[in-house]
C-alpha atoms as a PDB file:
ATOM      1  CA  UNK A   1       4.553 -16.596   8.107  1.00  0.00           C
ATOM      2  CA  UNK A   2       2.438 -13.430   8.149  1.00  0.00           C
ATOM      3  CA  UNK A   3       3.802 -10.545   6.079  1.00  0.00           C
ATOM      4  CA  UNK A   4       4.999  -7.216   7.490  1.00  0.00           C
ATOM      5  CA  UNK A   5       1.655  -5.400   7.348  1.00  0.00           C
ATOM      6  CA  UNK A   6      -0.218  -8.254   9.035  1.00  0.00           C
ATOM      7  CA  UNK A   7       2.416  -8.409  11.769  1.00  0.00           C
ATOM      8  CA  UNK A   8       2.276  -4.647  12.303  1.00  0.00           C
ATOM      9  CA  UNK A   9      -1.506  -4.767  12.575  1.00  0.00           C
ATOM     10  CA  UNK A  10      -1.332  -7.491  15.217  1.00  0.00           C
ATOM     11  CA  UNK A  11       1.193  -5.440  17.195  1.00  0.00           C
ATOM     12  CA  UNK A  12      -1.081  -2.413  16.993  1.00  0.00           C
ATOM     13  CA  UNK A  13      -4.129  -4.396  18.106  1.00  0.00           C
ATOM     14  CA  UNK A  14      -2.185  -5.744  21.097  1.00  0.00           C
ATOM     15  CA  UNK A  15      -1.663  -2.155  22.268  1.00  0.00           C
ATOM     16  CA  UNK A  16      -5.318  -1.172  21.963  1.00  0.00           C
ATOM     17  CA  UNK A  17      -7.118  -0.281  25.172  1.00  0.00           C
ATOM     18  CA  UNK A  18     -10.405  -1.547  23.778  1.00  0.00           C
ATOM     19  CA  UNK A  19     -11.374  -3.932  20.949  1.00  0.00           C
ATOM     20  CA  UNK A  20     -11.201  -2.359  17.507  1.00  0.00           C
ATOM     21  CA  UNK A  21     -14.487  -2.447  15.598  1.00  0.00           C
ATOM     22  CA  UNK A  22     -14.269  -1.501  11.954  1.00  0.00           C
ATOM     23  CA  UNK A  23     -17.242  -0.286   9.958  1.00  0.00           C
ATOM     24  CA  UNK A  24     -19.257  -3.382   9.089  1.00  0.00           C
ATOM     25  CA  UNK A  25     -17.760  -5.234  12.050  1.00  0.00           C
ATOM     26  CA  UNK A  26     -20.737  -7.612  12.176  1.00  0.00           C
ATOM     27  CA  UNK A  27     -19.530  -9.111   8.898  1.00  0.00           C
ATOM     28  CA  UNK A  28     -17.592 -12.369   9.187  1.00  0.00           C
ATOM     29  CA  UNK A  29     -14.320 -11.766   7.377  1.00  0.00           C
ATOM     30  CA  UNK A  30     -11.515 -14.046   6.275  1.00  0.00           C
ATOM     31  CA  UNK A  31      -8.605 -13.369   8.636  1.00  0.00           C
ATOM     32  CA  UNK A  32      -6.148 -13.708   5.748  1.00  0.00           C
ATOM     33  CA  UNK A  33      -7.633 -11.503   3.005  1.00  0.00           C
ATOM     34  CA  UNK A  34     -10.091  -9.421   5.125  1.00  0.00           C
ATOM     35  CA  UNK A  35     -12.928 -10.012   2.663  1.00  0.00           C
ATOM     36  CA  UNK A  36     -16.334 -11.405   3.705  1.00  0.00           C
ATOM     37  CA  UNK A  37     -16.015 -15.186   4.007  1.00  0.00           C
ATOM     38  CA  UNK A  38     -18.402 -15.941   1.151  1.00  0.00           C
ATOM     39  CA  UNK A  39     -16.262 -13.793  -1.179  1.00  0.00           C
ATOM     40  CA  UNK A  40     -12.819 -14.826   0.133  1.00  0.00           C
ATOM     41  CA  UNK A  41     -10.061 -14.254  -2.445  1.00  0.00           C
ATOM     42  CA  UNK A  42      -7.270 -16.321  -0.885  1.00  0.00           C
ATOM     43  CA  UNK A  43      -7.261 -18.957  -3.612  1.00  0.00           C
ATOM     44  CA  UNK A  44      -6.332 -16.283  -6.173  1.00  0.00           C
ATOM     45  CA  UNK A  45      -3.305 -15.105  -4.158  1.00  0.00           C
ATOM     46  CA  UNK A  46      -0.678 -14.212  -6.805  1.00  0.00           C
ATOM     47  CA  UNK A  47       2.721 -15.864  -6.803  1.00  0.00           C
ATOM     48  CA  UNK A  48       5.179 -13.625  -8.637  1.00  0.00           C
ATOM     49  CA  UNK A  49       8.865 -12.894  -8.183  1.00  0.00           C
ATOM     50  CA  UNK A  50      10.196  -9.341  -8.134  1.00  0.00           C
ATOM     51  CA  UNK A  51      13.529  -7.794  -7.235  1.00  0.00           C
ATOM     52  CA  UNK A  52      11.971  -4.578  -5.965  1.00  0.00           C
ATOM     53  CA  UNK A  53      11.086  -3.513  -2.418  1.00  0.00           C
ATOM     54  CA  UNK A  54       8.508  -1.347  -0.691  1.00  0.00           C
ATOM     55  CA  UNK A  55       8.400   0.420   2.635  1.00  0.00           C
ATOM     56  CA  UNK A  56       4.959   1.406   3.891  1.00  0.00           C
ATOM     57  CA  UNK A  57       4.865   4.274   6.346  1.00  0.00           C
ATOM     58  CA  UNK A  58       1.331   3.848   7.655  1.00  0.00           C
ATOM     59  CA  UNK A  59      -0.953   6.247   9.471  1.00  0.00           C
ATOM     60  CA  UNK A  60      -2.117   4.727  12.735  1.00  0.00           C
ATOM     61  CA  UNK A  61      -5.798   4.705  11.800  1.00  0.00           C
ATOM     62  CA  UNK A  62      -5.144   3.277   8.350  1.00  0.00           C
ATOM     63  CA  UNK A  63      -3.436   0.215   9.724  1.00  0.00           C
ATOM     64  CA  UNK A  64      -6.620  -1.112  11.330  1.00  0.00           C
ATOM     65  CA  UNK A  65      -8.996  -0.596   8.412  1.00  0.00           C
ATOM     66  CA  UNK A  66      -9.919  -3.831   6.594  1.00  0.00           C
ATOM     67  CA  UNK A  67     -10.231  -1.803   3.365  1.00  0.00           C
ATOM     68  CA  UNK A  68      -6.539  -0.819   3.506  1.00  0.00           C
ATOM     69  CA  UNK A  69      -4.731  -1.607   0.232  1.00  0.00           C
ATOM     70  CA  UNK A  70      -1.166  -1.414   1.524  1.00  0.00           C
ATOM     71  CA  UNK A  71      -1.810  -4.951   2.759  1.00  0.00           C
ATOM     72  CA  UNK A  72      -2.166  -6.067  -0.879  1.00  0.00           C
ATOM     73  CA  UNK A  73       1.347  -4.850  -1.681  1.00  0.00           C
ATOM     74  CA  UNK A  74       2.816  -7.074   1.008  1.00  0.00           C
ATOM     75  CA  UNK A  75       0.744  -9.956  -0.390  1.00  0.00           C
ATOM     76  CA  UNK A  76       2.540  -9.660  -3.736  1.00  0.00           C
ATOM     77  CA  UNK A  77       5.985  -8.182  -2.984  1.00  0.00           C
ATOM     78  CA  UNK A  78       7.934 -10.284  -0.491  1.00  0.00           C
ATOM     79  CA  UNK A  79      10.395  -7.463   0.258  1.00  0.00           C
ATOM     80  CA  UNK A  80       7.847  -5.196   1.925  1.00  0.00           C
ATOM     81  CA  UNK A  81       8.476  -3.462   5.240  1.00  0.00           C
ATOM     82  CA  UNK A  82       5.884  -1.575   7.263  1.00  0.00           C
ATOM     83  CA  UNK A  83       6.058   0.998  10.061  1.00  0.00           C
ATOM     84  CA  UNK A  84       3.536   3.143  11.920  1.00  0.00           C
ATOM     85  CA  UNK A  85       4.139   6.846  11.313  1.00  0.00           C
ATOM     86  CA  UNK A  86       4.717   9.076  14.302  1.00  0.00           C
ATOM     87  CA  UNK A  87       4.786  12.877  14.266  1.00  0.00           C
ATOM     88  CA  UNK A  88       7.336  13.071  17.096  1.00  0.00           C
ATOM     89  CA  UNK A  89       9.855  10.362  16.260  1.00  0.00           C
ATOM     90  CA  UNK A  90      10.981   8.293  13.310  1.00  0.00           C
ATOM     91  CA  UNK A  91      10.587   4.517  13.711  1.00  0.00           C
ATOM     92  CA  UNK A  92      14.028   3.115  14.549  1.00  0.00           C
ATOM     93  CA  UNK A  93      13.564   0.228  12.145  1.00  0.00           C
ATOM     94  CA  UNK A  94      12.829   2.657   9.324  1.00  0.00           C
ATOM     95  CA  UNK A  95      15.992   4.661   9.982  1.00  0.00           C
ATOM     96  CA  UNK A  96      18.014   1.452   9.901  1.00  0.00           C
ATOM     97  CA  UNK A  97      16.367   0.495   6.613  1.00  0.00           C
ATOM     98  CA  UNK A  98      17.175   3.861   5.033  1.00  0.00           C
ATOM     99  CA  UNK A  99      20.803   3.584   6.153  1.00  0.00           C
ATOM    100  CA  UNK A 100      21.220   0.081   4.722  1.00  0.00           C
ATOM    101  CA  UNK A 101      23.499   0.297   1.623  1.00  0.00           C
ATOM    102  CA  UNK A 102      21.584  -2.507  -0.091  1.00  0.00           C
ATOM    103  CA  UNK A 103      18.693  -0.169  -0.866  1.00  0.00           C
ATOM    104  CA  UNK A 104      18.159   2.885  -3.054  1.00  0.00           C
ATOM    105  CA  UNK A 105      15.177   4.626  -1.410  1.00  0.00           C
ATOM    106  CA  UNK A 106      12.670   6.829  -3.235  1.00  0.00           C
ATOM    107  CA  UNK A 107       9.778   8.679  -1.623  1.00  0.00           C
ATOM    108  CA  UNK A 108       6.790   8.322  -3.931  1.00  0.00           C
ATOM    109  CA  UNK A 109       4.902  11.608  -3.752  1.00  0.00           C
ATOM    110  CA  UNK A 110       3.821  14.484  -6.044  1.00  0.00           C
ATOM    111  CA  UNK A 111       6.683  16.818  -6.927  1.00  0.00           C
ATOM    112  CA  UNK A 112       4.594  19.873  -6.025  1.00  0.00           C
ATOM    113  CA  UNK A 113       5.112  19.072  -2.341  1.00  0.00           C
ATOM    114  CA  UNK A 114       8.858  18.383  -2.490  1.00  0.00           C
ATOM    115  CA  UNK A 115      11.394  20.646  -0.837  1.00  0.00           C
ATOM    116  CA  UNK A 116      13.917  22.712  -2.854  1.00  0.00           C
ATOM    117  CA  UNK A 117      16.754  20.408  -1.795  1.00  0.00           C
ATOM    118  CA  UNK A 118      15.125  17.214  -2.993  1.00  0.00           C
ATOM    119  CA  UNK A 119      15.972  15.496  -6.240  1.00  0.00           C
ATOM    120  CA  UNK A 120      12.882  15.115  -8.424  1.00  0.00           C
ATOM    121  CA  UNK A 121      12.532  11.977 -10.547  1.00  0.00           C
ATOM    122  CA  UNK A 122       9.986  10.705 -13.035  1.00  0.00           C
ATOM    123  CA  UNK A 123      11.365   7.190 -13.040  1.00  0.00           C
ATOM    124  CA  UNK A 124      13.728   5.226 -10.765  1.00  0.00           C
ATOM    125  CA  UNK A 125      17.419   5.644 -11.508  1.00  0.00           C
ATOM    126  CA  UNK A 126      19.661   2.604 -11.544  1.00  0.00           C
ATOM    127  CA  UNK A 127      22.248   2.395  -8.784  1.00  0.00           C
ATOM    128  CA  UNK A 128      24.950  -0.277  -9.002  1.00  0.00           C
ATOM    129  CA  UNK A 129      24.411  -3.029  -6.491  1.00  0.00           C
ATOM    130  CA  UNK A 130      21.336  -1.403  -4.958  1.00  0.00           C
ATOM    131  CA  UNK A 131      17.707  -2.493  -4.991  1.00  0.00           C
ATOM    132  CA  UNK A 132      15.039   0.193  -5.495  1.00  0.00           C
ATOM    133  CA  UNK A 133      13.085   0.782  -2.277  1.00  0.00           C
ATOM    134  CA  UNK A 134       9.820   2.634  -2.816  1.00  0.00           C
ATOM    135  CA  UNK A 135       8.562   4.476   0.274  1.00  0.00           C
ATOM    136  CA  UNK A 136       4.782   4.915   0.248  1.00  0.00           C
ATOM    137  CA  UNK A 137       2.834   7.068   2.705  1.00  0.00           C
ATOM    138  CA  UNK A 138      -0.252   5.000   3.475  1.00  0.00           C
ATOM    139  CA  UNK A 139      -3.204   7.082   4.643  1.00  0.00           C
ATOM    140  CA  UNK A 140      -5.863   9.425   3.335  1.00  0.00           C
ATOM    141  CA  UNK A 141      -4.638  12.196   1.054  1.00  0.00           C
ATOM    142  CA  UNK A 142      -4.793  14.712   3.901  1.00  0.00           C
ATOM    143  CA  UNK A 143      -2.906  12.357   6.215  1.00  0.00           C
ATOM    144  CA  UNK A 144      -0.263  11.593   3.585  1.00  0.00           C
ATOM    145  CA  UNK A 145       0.464  15.305   3.013  1.00  0.00           C
ATOM    146  CA  UNK A 146       0.928  15.802   6.758  1.00  0.00           C
ATOM    147  CA  UNK A 147       3.171  12.749   6.990  1.00  0.00           C
ATOM    148  CA  UNK A 148       5.332  13.974   4.123  1.00  0.00           C
ATOM    149  CA  UNK A 149       5.596  17.525   5.472  1.00  0.00           C
ATOM    150  CA  UNK A 150       6.395  16.556   9.060  1.00  0.00           C
ATOM    151  CA  UNK A 151       8.865  13.720   8.433  1.00  0.00           C
ATOM    152  CA  UNK A 152      12.285  15.367   8.350  1.00  0.00           C
ATOM    153  CA  UNK A 153      14.019  12.047   7.688  1.00  0.00           C
ATOM    154  CA  UNK A 154      12.300  11.923   4.281  1.00  0.00           C
ATOM    155  CA  UNK A 155      13.366  15.397   3.206  1.00  0.00           C
ATOM    156  CA  UNK A 156      16.818  14.386   1.959  1.00  0.00           C
ATOM    157  CA  UNK A 157      15.582  11.502  -0.186  1.00  0.00           C
ATOM    158  CA  UNK A 158      14.790  11.719  -3.908  1.00  0.00           C
ATOM    159  CA  UNK A 159      11.110  12.124  -4.710  1.00  0.00           C
ATOM    160  CA  UNK A 160       9.567   9.963  -7.413  1.00  0.00           C
ATOM    161  CA  UNK A 161       6.511  11.661  -8.911  1.00  0.00           C
ATOM    162  CA  UNK A 162       3.993   9.604 -10.860  1.00  0.00           C
ATOM    163  CA  UNK A 163       1.802  10.702 -13.741  1.00  0.00           C
ATOM    164  CA  UNK A 164      -0.960   8.073 -13.911  1.00  0.00           C
ATOM    165  CA  UNK A 165      -2.830   7.870 -17.184  1.00  0.00           C
ATOM    166  CA  UNK A 166      -5.932   6.310 -15.642  1.00  0.00           C
ATOM    167  CA  UNK A 167      -8.299   7.331 -12.868  1.00  0.00           C
ATOM    168  CA  UNK A 168      -8.439   5.351  -9.667  1.00  0.00           C
ATOM    169  CA  UNK A 169     -10.379   2.092  -9.724  1.00  0.00           C
ATOM    170  CA  UNK A 170     -10.770   2.102  -5.938  1.00  0.00           C
ATOM    171  CA  UNK A 171     -14.466   2.096  -5.036  1.00  0.00           C
ATOM    172  CA  UNK A 172     -14.362   1.239  -1.331  1.00  0.00           C
ATOM    173  CA  UNK A 173     -13.825   4.849  -0.275  1.00  0.00           C
ATOM    174  CA  UNK A 174     -14.618   8.188  -1.853  1.00  0.00           C
ATOM    175  CA  UNK A 175     -12.068  10.872  -2.705  1.00  0.00           C
ATOM    176  CA  UNK A 176     -12.735  14.387  -3.902  1.00  0.00           C
ATOM    177  CA  UNK A 177     -10.208  13.766  -6.673  1.00  0.00           C
ATOM    178  CA  UNK A 178     -10.381  10.568  -8.756  1.00  0.00           C
ATOM    179  CA  UNK A 179      -6.741  11.171  -9.743  1.00  0.00           C
ATOM    180  CA  UNK A 180      -5.732  10.237  -6.177  1.00  0.00           C
ATOM    181  CA  UNK A 181      -4.814   6.558  -6.442  1.00  0.00           C
ATOM    182  CA  UNK A 182      -5.087   3.888  -3.777  1.00  0.00           C
ATOM    183  CA  UNK A 183      -1.761   2.830  -2.242  1.00  0.00           C
ATOM    184  CA  UNK A 184      -1.769  -0.506  -4.106  1.00  0.00           C
ATOM    185  CA  UNK A 185      -2.397   1.287  -7.414  1.00  0.00           C
ATOM    186  CA  UNK A 186       0.615   3.532  -6.766  1.00  0.00           C
ATOM    187  CA  UNK A 187       2.763   0.494  -5.998  1.00  0.00           C
ATOM    188  CA  UNK A 188       1.701  -1.209  -9.233  1.00  0.00           C
ATOM    189  CA  UNK A 189       2.801   1.879 -11.194  1.00  0.00           C
ATOM    190  CA  UNK A 190       6.148   1.901  -9.363  1.00  0.00           C
ATOM    191  CA  UNK A 191       6.772  -1.709 -10.334  1.00  0.00           C
ATOM    192  CA  UNK A 192       5.978  -0.986 -13.968  1.00  0.00           C
ATOM    193  CA  UNK A 193       8.278   2.053 -14.001  1.00  0.00           C
ATOM    194  CA  UNK A 194      11.032  -0.121 -12.537  1.00  0.00           C
ATOM    195  CA  UNK A 195      10.708  -2.646 -15.362  1.00  0.00           C
ATOM    196  CA  UNK A 196       8.749  -5.226 -13.348  1.00  0.00           C
ATOM    197  CA  UNK A 197       5.784  -5.473 -15.694  1.00  0.00           C
ATOM    198  CA  UNK A 198       4.615  -8.923 -14.589  1.00  0.00           C
ATOM    199  CA  UNK A 199       4.701  -7.991 -10.891  1.00  0.00           C
ATOM    200  CA  UNK A 200       2.962  -4.686 -11.584  1.00  0.00           C
ATOM    201  CA  UNK A 201       0.189  -6.420 -13.529  1.00  0.00           C
ATOM    202  CA  UNK A 202      -0.185  -9.067 -10.807  1.00  0.00           C
ATOM    203  CA  UNK A 203      -0.594  -6.415  -8.135  1.00  0.00           C
ATOM    204  CA  UNK A 204      -3.071  -4.449 -10.232  1.00  0.00           C
ATOM    205  CA  UNK A 205      -5.138  -7.597 -10.832  1.00  0.00           C
ATOM    206  CA  UNK A 206      -4.985  -8.516  -7.129  1.00  0.00           C
ATOM    207  CA  UNK A 207      -6.156  -5.018  -6.209  1.00  0.00           C
ATOM    208  CA  UNK A 208      -9.027  -5.221  -8.713  1.00  0.00           C
ATOM    209  CA  UNK A 209     -10.195  -8.576  -7.338  1.00  0.00           C
ATOM    210  CA  UNK A 210      -9.993  -7.346  -3.736  1.00  0.00           C
ATOM    211  CA  UNK A 211     -11.944  -4.232  -4.676  1.00  0.00           C
ATOM    212  CA  UNK A 212     -14.631  -6.255  -6.470  1.00  0.00           C
ATOM    213  CA  UNK A 213     -15.074  -8.948  -3.834  1.00  0.00           C
ATOM    214  CA  UNK A 214     -14.960  -6.529  -0.901  1.00  0.00           C
ATOM    215  CA  UNK A 215     -17.639  -4.382  -2.533  1.00  0.00           C
ATOM    216  CA  UNK A 216     -19.844  -7.433  -3.192  1.00  0.00           C
ATOM    217  CA  UNK A 217     -20.404  -7.849   0.552  1.00  0.00           C
ATOM    218  CA  UNK A 218     -21.977  -4.385   0.612  1.00  0.00           C
ATOM    219  CA  UNK A 219     -24.146  -4.967  -2.447  1.00  0.00           C
ATOM    220  CA  UNK A 220     -24.501  -8.730  -3.000  1.00  0.00           C
ATOM    221  CA  UNK A 221     -24.564  -9.631  -6.717  1.00  0.00           C
ATOM    222  CA  UNK A 222     -27.520 -11.372  -8.319  1.00  0.00           C
ATOM    223  CA  UNK A 223     -27.279 -14.928  -9.589  1.00  0.00           C
ATOM    224  CA  UNK A 224     -26.177 -13.847 -13.057  1.00  0.00           C
ATOM    225  CA  UNK A 225     -23.266 -11.870 -11.592  1.00  0.00           C
ATOM    226  CA  UNK A 226     -22.281 -14.462  -8.995  1.00  0.00           C
ATOM    227  CA  UNK A 227     -19.995 -16.339 -11.393  1.00  0.00           C
ATOM    228  CA  UNK A 228     -17.750 -13.265 -11.690  1.00  0.00           C
ATOM    229  CA  UNK A 229     -16.546 -14.030  -8.183  1.00  0.00           C
ATOM    230  CA  UNK A 230     -15.596 -17.599  -9.061  1.00  0.00           C
ATOM    231  CA  UNK A 231     -13.479 -16.897 -12.146  1.00  0.00           C
END
């Protein structure tokens, strides 16, 4: 069964008034991993168990981009939900998720943007009987700031701020600040902070392979480098 992000993308495509054509649309991509067929990564799909959950609140444009890395989170973490962000109304499914007593939600975002009423955390706090639910705003940095600022339903939730020690390894898009991590990189850090080292490492490795193989379609490797995509 397709995961939450794949299902949400199909729903979004069904509503489109015209066919969506991503940059590089002439490229034949694997429908499962979104990488060019000759560099498909499906056989390296990680299988790892984790008792953590993610909720992706996705900008509408981000959902349709084949370079989106939120998809990779759902590949690795079975308990991943996904919703399209709206400026005017909160997704009903998201509100139900936040009200579910099984979860302890955290909005993952820099503390500098948090409101005065929000609890600021540097690592998840344990809550008896509750599973950590990390809410990630999936979009460009400018989009994510708007989503955070204009989503009143997030303003009462604790904010988990990350302090990454490494620069982003995401090379498919360019950011003015290399300290801005891709969504999958943020999720990997969340897993590690929550004590899920194996799952965090698996997601980081999956992200690195996706990044490498996706980029190879833009600049095909020479024969000496080709074996890197088979190991």
